[in-house]
C-alpha atoms as a PDB file:
ATOM      1  CA  UNK A   1       7.199 -17.336 -21.443  1.00  0.00           C
ATOM      2  CA  UNK A   2       3.760 -16.829 -20.022  1.00  0.00           C
ATOM      3  CA  UNK A   3       0.243 -16.881 -21.384  1.00  0.00           C
ATOM      4  CA  UNK A   4      -1.706 -13.738 -20.818  1.00  0.00           C
ATOM      5  CA  UNK A   5      -5.348 -13.560 -19.942  1.00  0.00           C
ATOM      6  CA  UNK A   6      -5.493  -9.783 -19.701  1.00  0.00           C
ATOM      7  CA  UNK A   7      -6.107  -6.808 -21.937  1.00  0.00           C
ATOM      8  CA  UNK A   8      -3.277  -4.638 -23.194  1.00  0.00           C
ATOM      9  CA  UNK A   9      -3.283  -0.990 -22.339  1.00  0.00           C
ATOM     10  CA  UNK A  10      -1.869   1.876 -24.325  1.00  0.00           C
ATOM     11  CA  UNK A  11       0.572   3.472 -21.933  1.00  0.00           C
ATOM     12  CA  UNK A  12       2.118   6.889 -21.863  1.00  0.00           C
ATOM     13  CA  UNK A  13       5.178   6.954 -19.613  1.00  0.00           C
ATOM     14  CA  UNK A  14       5.581  10.160 -17.657  1.00  0.00           C
ATOM     15  CA  UNK A  15       9.307   9.593 -16.962  1.00  0.00           C
ATOM     16  CA  UNK A  16      10.582   6.730 -19.221  1.00  0.00           C
ATOM     17  CA  UNK A  17      14.056   6.605 -17.650  1.00  0.00           C
ATOM     18  CA  UNK A  18      12.535   5.468 -14.340  1.00  0.00           C
ATOM     19  CA  UNK A  19      11.214   2.285 -15.978  1.00  0.00           C
ATOM     20  CA  UNK A  20      14.656   1.299 -17.270  1.00  0.00           C
ATOM     21  CA  UNK A  21      15.983   0.852 -13.735  1.00  0.00           C
ATOM     22  CA  UNK A  22      12.764  -0.380 -12.089  1.00  0.00           C
ATOM     23  CA  UNK A  23      12.803  -3.947 -10.738  1.00  0.00           C
ATOM     24  CA  UNK A  24       9.173  -4.466 -11.812  1.00  0.00           C
ATOM     25  CA  UNK A  25       9.773  -3.669 -15.500  1.00  0.00           C
ATOM     26  CA  UNK A  26      11.205  -5.931 -18.190  1.00  0.00           C
ATOM     27  CA  UNK A  27      11.467  -5.702 -21.955  1.00  0.00           C
ATOM     28  CA  UNK A  28       9.283  -8.390 -23.521  1.00  0.00           C
ATOM     29  CA  UNK A  29       8.355  -9.665 -26.944  1.00  0.00           C
ATOM     30  CA  UNK A  30       4.561  -9.817 -27.034  1.00  0.00           C
ATOM     31  CA  UNK A  31       2.823 -12.099 -29.506  1.00  0.00           C
ATOM     32  CA  UNK A  32      -0.547 -10.644 -30.427  1.00  0.00           C
ATOM     33  CA  UNK A  33      -3.648 -12.701 -31.253  1.00  0.00           C
ATOM     34  CA  UNK A  34      -3.146 -11.696 -34.912  1.00  0.00           C
ATOM     35  CA  UNK A  35       0.256 -13.459 -34.881  1.00  0.00           C
ATOM     36  CA  UNK A  36       2.298 -10.241 -35.011  1.00  0.00           C
ATOM     37  CA  UNK A  37       5.108  -9.780 -32.469  1.00  0.00           C
ATOM     38  CA  UNK A  38       6.073  -6.492 -30.820  1.00  0.00           C
ATOM     39  CA  UNK A  39       8.700  -5.499 -28.271  1.00  0.00           C
ATOM     40  CA  UNK A  40       7.138  -3.758 -25.290  1.00  0.00           C
ATOM     41  CA  UNK A  41       7.825  -2.787 -21.719  1.00  0.00           C
ATOM     42  CA  UNK A  42       6.113  -5.319 -19.430  1.00  0.00           C
ATOM     43  CA  UNK A  43       5.375  -3.798 -16.029  1.00  0.00           C
ATOM     44  CA  UNK A  44       4.330  -6.010 -13.118  1.00  0.00           C
ATOM     45  CA  UNK A  45       3.556  -3.128 -10.781  1.00  0.00           C
ATOM     46  CA  UNK A  46      -0.072  -2.209 -11.318  1.00  0.00           C
ATOM     47  CA  UNK A  47      -0.096   0.700  -8.867  1.00  0.00           C
ATOM     48  CA  UNK A  48       2.732   2.701 -10.481  1.00  0.00           C
ATOM     49  CA  UNK A  49       2.312   6.479 -10.730  1.00  0.00           C
ATOM     50  CA  UNK A  50       4.703   6.771 -13.688  1.00  0.00           C
ATOM     51  CA  UNK A  51       2.190   5.895 -16.407  1.00  0.00           C
ATOM     52  CA  UNK A  52      -1.260   6.684 -17.700  1.00  0.00           C
ATOM     53  CA  UNK A  53      -3.335   4.043 -19.501  1.00  0.00           C
ATOM     54  CA  UNK A  54      -6.088   3.675 -22.045  1.00  0.00           C
ATOM     55  CA  UNK A  55      -7.892   0.379 -22.723  1.00  0.00           C
ATOM     56  CA  UNK A  56      -7.535  -1.309 -26.129  1.00  0.00           C
ATOM     57  CA  UNK A  57      -9.301  -4.286 -27.697  1.00  0.00           C
ATOM     58  CA  UNK A  58      -6.074  -6.192 -28.512  1.00  0.00           C
ATOM     59  CA  UNK A  59      -5.249  -9.219 -26.371  1.00  0.00           C
ATOM     60  CA  UNK A  60      -1.763 -10.721 -26.182  1.00  0.00           C
ATOM     61  CA  UNK A  61      -1.395 -14.424 -26.936  1.00  0.00           C
ATOM     62  CA  UNK A  62       1.973 -14.761 -25.180  1.00  0.00           C
ATOM     63  CA  UNK A  63       4.570 -12.590 -23.469  1.00  0.00           C
ATOM     64  CA  UNK A  64       8.222 -13.663 -23.723  1.00  0.00           C
ATOM     65  CA  UNK A  65      10.214 -11.741 -21.122  1.00  0.00           C
ATOM     66  CA  UNK A  66      13.867 -11.134 -21.878  1.00  0.00           C
ATOM     67  CA  UNK A  67      16.489 -11.976 -19.284  1.00  0.00           C
END
């Protein structure tokens, strides 16, 4: 579990199958500031060419990475 101090980004994956085998990507349950939880792909590689982003106003409260 980790606290996040960053903004979420709406991401469009160009080739989703690449993320499933990438060592920088994990599936995570993200708790939003509203209290709602969502399962998302959590990528730790910020320079990846496989996605395009768009800023959003939502901020995660916590990210629980799955093993």
